[in-house]
């Protein structure tokens, strides 16, 4: 899987550039507040493996429990660092899933 350049952002961790994104529009379950928000991450150049970060909260734009929690580059850097420590190898093909619990902000 290769993330599109349009709609994605780049962060640097340990001297390597990573591209990340959250889906622009929620899927049906995410919109209903029944699924957690995920962030997809891969190397910016020569992507091979994909990291899927489970944020442990619903999307802010869900219908049941709207909130103001933002996923910032700082949060993504921390999630990538944690996943690398858990054994994610971005050069290895495949999907690696990691959880990085966010605390929802009040609406």
N, C-alpha and C. Protein backbone atom coordinates (compact mmCIF):
# COMPACT_ATOMS: atom_id res chain seq x y z
N UNK A 1 0.85 -1.18 0.00
CA UNK A 1 0.00 0.00 0.00
C UNK A 1 0.89 1.23 0.00
N UNK A 2 0.59 2.17 -0.85
CA UNK A 2 1.32 3.41 -0.88
C UNK A 2 0.35 4.54 -0.59
N UNK A 3 0.70 5.38 0.38
CA UNK A 3 -0.17 6.49 0.73
C UNK A 3 -0.07 7.58 -0.33
N UNK A 4 -1.17 8.22 -0.65
CA UNK A 4 -1.12 9.29 -1.64
C UNK A 4 -0.39 10.50 -1.07
N UNK A 5 0.29 11.23 -1.92
CA UNK A 5 0.96 12.45 -1.47
C UNK A 5 -0.07 13.51 -1.10
N UNK A 6 -1.16 13.53 -1.86
CA UNK A 6 -2.21 14.50 -1.58
C UNK A 6 -3.00 14.03 -0.35
N UNK A 7 -3.09 14.88 0.63
CA UNK A 7 -3.83 14.55 1.84
C UNK A 7 -2.98 13.90 2.92
N UNK A 8 -1.71 13.66 2.64
CA UNK A 8 -0.83 13.08 3.66
C UNK A 8 0.20 14.12 4.09
N UNK A 9 0.83 13.85 5.22
CA UNK A 9 1.84 14.76 5.75
C UNK A 9 3.13 13.99 6.00
N UNK A 10 4.22 14.69 6.15
CA UNK A 10 5.51 14.06 6.37
C UNK A 10 6.06 14.49 7.73
N UNK A 11 6.59 13.52 8.48
CA UNK A 11 7.30 13.80 9.73
C UNK A 11 8.64 13.07 9.68
N UNK A 12 9.58 13.57 10.45
CA UNK A 12 10.89 12.94 10.50
C UNK A 12 11.10 12.31 11.87
N UNK A 13 11.57 11.07 11.86
CA UNK A 13 11.88 10.34 13.09
C UNK A 13 13.24 9.68 12.90
N UNK A 14 14.17 9.96 13.78
CA UNK A 14 15.52 9.37 13.71
C UNK A 14 16.16 9.55 12.34
N UNK A 15 15.98 10.71 11.74
CA UNK A 15 16.61 11.01 10.46
C UNK A 15 15.93 10.41 9.24
N UNK A 16 14.79 9.75 9.43
CA UNK A 16 14.06 9.17 8.31
C UNK A 16 12.72 9.88 8.16
N UNK A 17 12.31 10.09 6.92
CA UNK A 17 11.04 10.76 6.65
C UNK A 17 9.94 9.72 6.51
N UNK A 18 8.82 9.97 7.19
CA UNK A 18 7.65 9.09 7.13
C UNK A 18 6.46 9.90 6.65
N UNK A 19 5.63 9.28 5.82
CA UNK A 19 4.39 9.89 5.35
C UNK A 19 3.25 9.30 6.16
N UNK A 20 2.30 10.15 6.60
CA UNK A 20 1.18 9.66 7.40
C UNK A 20 -0.11 10.35 6.99
N UNK A 21 -1.22 9.66 7.27
CA UNK A 21 -2.52 10.26 6.98
C UNK A 21 -3.63 9.55 7.75
N UNK A 22 -4.72 10.27 7.88
CA UNK A 22 -5.97 9.76 8.42
C UNK A 22 -6.97 9.91 7.28
N UNK A 23 -7.83 8.93 7.10
CA UNK A 23 -8.82 9.03 6.02
C UNK A 23 -9.56 10.36 6.09
N UNK A 24 -9.76 10.96 4.93
CA UNK A 24 -10.45 12.25 4.87
C UNK A 24 -11.90 12.14 5.31
N UNK A 25 -12.55 11.08 4.89
CA UNK A 25 -13.95 10.85 5.28
C UNK A 25 -14.05 9.55 6.05
N UNK A 26 -14.83 9.55 7.11
CA UNK A 26 -14.94 8.31 7.89
C UNK A 26 -15.74 7.24 7.15
N UNK A 27 -15.41 6.00 7.44
CA UNK A 27 -16.23 4.90 6.95
C UNK A 27 -17.53 4.91 7.74
N UNK A 28 -18.44 4.04 7.37
CA UNK A 28 -19.75 4.01 8.01
C UNK A 28 -19.67 3.75 9.52
N UNK A 29 -18.86 2.78 9.93
CA UNK A 29 -18.74 2.46 11.36
C UNK A 29 -18.06 3.60 12.12
N UNK A 30 -17.05 4.21 11.52
CA UNK A 30 -16.36 5.31 12.18
C UNK A 30 -17.27 6.53 12.34
N UNK A 31 -18.09 6.80 11.34
CA UNK A 31 -19.01 7.94 11.41
C UNK A 31 -20.05 7.73 12.50
N UNK A 32 -20.40 6.49 12.75
CA UNK A 32 -21.40 6.17 13.78
C UNK A 32 -20.78 6.08 15.17
N UNK A 33 -19.47 6.23 15.28
CA UNK A 33 -18.81 6.15 16.56
C UNK A 33 -18.58 4.73 17.03
N UNK A 34 -18.59 3.79 16.09
CA UNK A 34 -18.44 2.37 16.43
C UNK A 34 -17.06 1.82 16.10
N UNK A 35 -16.17 2.64 15.59
CA UNK A 35 -14.83 2.19 15.24
C UNK A 35 -13.82 3.23 15.70
N UNK A 36 -12.61 2.78 15.98
CA UNK A 36 -11.57 3.70 16.44
C UNK A 36 -10.91 4.40 15.25
N UNK A 37 -10.31 5.55 15.55
CA UNK A 37 -9.58 6.29 14.54
C UNK A 37 -8.21 5.64 14.35
N UNK A 38 -7.80 5.51 13.12
CA UNK A 38 -6.48 4.93 12.83
C UNK A 38 -5.68 5.90 11.97
N UNK A 39 -4.37 5.80 12.09
CA UNK A 39 -3.43 6.59 11.30
C UNK A 39 -2.57 5.60 10.53
N UNK A 40 -2.41 5.82 9.24
CA UNK A 40 -1.55 4.99 8.41
C UNK A 40 -0.21 5.70 8.23
N UNK A 41 0.89 4.95 8.36
CA UNK A 41 2.24 5.52 8.28
C UNK A 41 3.09 4.61 7.41
N UNK A 42 3.97 5.22 6.62
CA UNK A 42 4.96 4.46 5.84
C UNK A 42 6.15 5.36 5.57
N UNK A 43 7.25 4.77 5.12
CA UNK A 43 8.40 5.57 4.73
C UNK A 43 8.00 6.50 3.59
N UNK A 44 8.50 7.72 3.60
CA UNK A 44 8.14 8.67 2.55
C UNK A 44 8.76 8.29 1.22
N UNK A 45 9.98 7.80 1.26
CA UNK A 45 10.67 7.37 0.04
C UNK A 45 10.76 5.85 0.06
N UNK A 46 10.45 5.22 -1.03
CA UNK A 46 10.50 3.76 -1.17
C UNK A 46 9.68 3.06 -0.09
N UNK A 47 8.38 3.36 -0.01
CA UNK A 47 7.55 2.72 1.01
C UNK A 47 7.42 1.22 0.76
N UNK A 48 7.46 0.46 1.85
CA UNK A 48 7.32 -0.99 1.76
C UNK A 48 6.26 -1.42 2.78
N UNK A 49 6.61 -1.34 4.05
CA UNK A 49 5.68 -1.75 5.10
C UNK A 49 4.81 -0.58 5.56
N UNK A 50 3.64 -0.93 6.05
CA UNK A 50 2.70 0.08 6.53
C UNK A 50 2.45 -0.12 8.02
N UNK A 51 2.50 0.96 8.76
CA UNK A 51 2.14 0.96 10.16
C UNK A 51 0.72 1.48 10.28
N UNK A 52 -0.14 0.75 10.97
CA UNK A 52 -1.49 1.22 11.25
C UNK A 52 -1.56 1.47 12.75
N UNK A 53 -1.75 2.73 13.12
CA UNK A 53 -1.80 3.12 14.53
C UNK A 53 -3.25 3.22 14.96
N UNK A 54 -3.62 2.41 15.94
CA UNK A 54 -4.94 2.44 16.56
C UNK A 54 -4.86 3.51 17.65
N UNK A 55 -5.61 4.60 17.49
CA UNK A 55 -5.55 5.71 18.44
C UNK A 55 -6.38 5.47 19.70
N UNK A 56 -7.18 4.43 19.72
CA UNK A 56 -7.94 4.09 20.91
C UNK A 56 -9.12 4.99 21.20
N UNK A 57 -9.44 5.89 20.27
CA UNK A 57 -10.60 6.77 20.42
C UNK A 57 -11.35 6.82 19.10
N UNK A 58 -12.57 7.30 19.15
CA UNK A 58 -13.34 7.48 17.93
C UNK A 58 -12.84 8.71 17.19
N UNK A 59 -13.26 8.85 15.95
CA UNK A 59 -12.93 10.06 15.19
C UNK A 59 -13.64 11.25 15.81
N UNK A 60 -13.05 12.45 15.74
CA UNK A 60 -13.72 13.62 16.30
C UNK A 60 -15.04 13.96 15.61
N UNK A 61 -15.19 13.55 14.35
CA UNK A 61 -16.39 13.88 13.59
C UNK A 61 -17.44 12.78 13.63
N UNK A 62 -17.40 11.91 14.65
CA UNK A 62 -18.40 10.85 14.74
C UNK A 62 -19.72 11.40 15.28
N UNK A 63 -20.81 10.70 15.02
CA UNK A 63 -22.14 11.18 15.37
C UNK A 63 -22.49 11.01 16.85
N UNK A 64 -21.90 10.04 17.51
CA UNK A 64 -22.27 9.75 18.90
C UNK A 64 -21.55 10.58 19.94
N UNK A 65 -20.22 10.62 19.88
CA UNK A 65 -19.41 11.29 20.89
C UNK A 65 -18.41 12.23 20.24
N UNK A 66 -18.89 13.34 19.67
CA UNK A 66 -17.94 14.27 19.04
C UNK A 66 -16.99 14.86 20.08
N UNK A 67 -15.76 15.07 19.68
CA UNK A 67 -14.76 15.66 20.57
C UNK A 67 -13.79 16.48 19.73
N UNK A 68 -12.84 17.11 20.37
CA UNK A 68 -11.91 18.01 19.68
C UNK A 68 -10.49 17.47 19.63
N UNK A 69 -10.29 16.20 19.85
CA UNK A 69 -8.96 15.62 19.88
C UNK A 69 -8.31 15.68 18.51
N UNK A 70 -7.09 16.19 18.47
CA UNK A 70 -6.37 16.30 17.20
C UNK A 70 -5.17 15.35 17.19
N UNK A 71 -4.89 14.79 16.04
CA UNK A 71 -3.68 14.00 15.85
C UNK A 71 -2.67 14.94 15.22
N UNK A 72 -1.64 15.27 15.97
CA UNK A 72 -0.62 16.23 15.53
C UNK A 72 0.64 15.49 15.09
N UNK A 73 1.53 16.19 14.38
CA UNK A 73 2.80 15.55 14.02
C UNK A 73 3.56 15.04 15.25
N UNK A 74 3.48 15.73 16.37
CA UNK A 74 4.15 15.30 17.60
C UNK A 74 3.60 13.94 18.06
N UNK A 75 2.29 13.77 17.99
CA UNK A 75 1.66 12.50 18.35
C UNK A 75 2.10 11.40 17.39
N UNK A 76 2.14 11.70 16.11
CA UNK A 76 2.54 10.71 15.12
C UNK A 76 4.00 10.30 15.32
N UNK A 77 4.87 11.28 15.60
CA UNK A 77 6.27 10.94 15.88
C UNK A 77 6.38 9.98 17.06
N UNK A 78 5.64 10.27 18.13
CA UNK A 78 5.66 9.40 19.31
C UNK A 78 5.13 8.00 18.98
N UNK A 79 4.08 7.92 18.19
CA UNK A 79 3.51 6.62 17.80
C UNK A 79 4.49 5.83 16.94
N UNK A 80 5.19 6.51 16.04
CA UNK A 80 6.19 5.83 15.19
C UNK A 80 7.34 5.33 16.06
N UNK A 81 7.82 6.16 16.97
CA UNK A 81 8.91 5.76 17.86
C UNK A 81 8.52 4.54 18.68
N UNK A 82 7.29 4.53 19.20
CA UNK A 82 6.81 3.37 19.97
C UNK A 82 6.76 2.12 19.09
N UNK A 83 6.21 2.25 17.88
CA UNK A 83 6.10 1.10 16.98
C UNK A 83 7.48 0.56 16.59
N UNK A 84 8.43 1.44 16.35
CA UNK A 84 9.79 0.99 16.04
C UNK A 84 10.37 0.21 17.23
N UNK A 85 10.08 0.67 18.44
CA UNK A 85 10.52 -0.03 19.64
C UNK A 85 9.83 -1.37 19.82
N UNK A 86 8.62 -1.51 19.27
CA UNK A 86 7.87 -2.76 19.35
C UNK A 86 8.25 -3.74 18.24
N UNK A 87 9.13 -3.30 17.35
CA UNK A 87 9.61 -4.21 16.31
C UNK A 87 9.16 -3.91 14.89
N UNK A 88 8.47 -2.79 14.67
CA UNK A 88 8.08 -2.46 13.30
C UNK A 88 9.32 -2.17 12.48
N UNK A 89 9.41 -2.80 11.33
CA UNK A 89 10.50 -2.57 10.39
C UNK A 89 9.88 -1.99 9.13
N UNK A 90 9.98 -0.67 8.93
CA UNK A 90 9.32 -0.02 7.79
C UNK A 90 9.77 -0.52 6.43
N UNK A 91 10.97 -1.12 6.36
CA UNK A 91 11.48 -1.62 5.09
C UNK A 91 10.90 -2.99 4.75
N UNK A 92 10.29 -3.66 5.72
CA UNK A 92 9.73 -5.01 5.50
C UNK A 92 8.29 -4.88 5.02
N UNK A 93 7.95 -5.54 3.91
CA UNK A 93 6.57 -5.47 3.41
C UNK A 93 5.58 -6.04 4.42
N UNK A 94 4.38 -5.50 4.37
CA UNK A 94 3.32 -5.99 5.24
C UNK A 94 2.77 -4.89 6.12
N UNK A 95 1.79 -5.25 6.92
CA UNK A 95 1.13 -4.30 7.81
C UNK A 95 1.49 -4.64 9.26
N UNK A 96 1.86 -3.61 10.00
CA UNK A 96 2.17 -3.73 11.43
C UNK A 96 1.17 -2.85 12.16
N UNK A 97 0.49 -3.41 13.14
CA UNK A 97 -0.50 -2.64 13.90
C UNK A 97 0.03 -2.36 15.29
N UNK A 98 -0.14 -1.11 15.72
CA UNK A 98 0.29 -0.68 17.03
C UNK A 98 -0.79 0.20 17.64
N UNK A 99 -0.88 0.21 18.96
CA UNK A 99 -1.86 1.06 19.63
C UNK A 99 -1.14 2.20 20.32
N UNK A 100 -1.63 3.41 20.12
CA UNK A 100 -1.11 4.60 20.78
C UNK A 100 -2.33 5.34 21.32
N UNK A 101 -2.64 5.12 22.58
CA UNK A 101 -3.87 5.64 23.19
C UNK A 101 -3.84 7.16 23.31
N UNK A 102 -4.83 7.80 22.71
CA UNK A 102 -5.03 9.23 22.86
C UNK A 102 -6.10 9.50 23.90
N UNK A 103 -6.00 10.60 24.58
CA UNK A 103 -7.02 10.99 25.55
C UNK A 103 -7.89 12.05 24.89
N UNK A 104 -9.21 11.79 24.76
CA UNK A 104 -10.08 12.75 24.07
C UNK A 104 -10.18 14.07 24.81
N UNK A 105 -10.14 15.14 24.04
CA UNK A 105 -10.39 16.48 24.57
C UNK A 105 -11.88 16.70 24.64
N UNK A 106 -12.29 17.56 25.54
CA UNK A 106 -13.72 17.87 25.68
C UNK A 106 -14.21 18.62 24.45
N UNK A 107 -15.49 18.47 24.10
CA UNK A 107 -16.04 19.18 22.93
C UNK A 107 -16.12 20.67 23.15
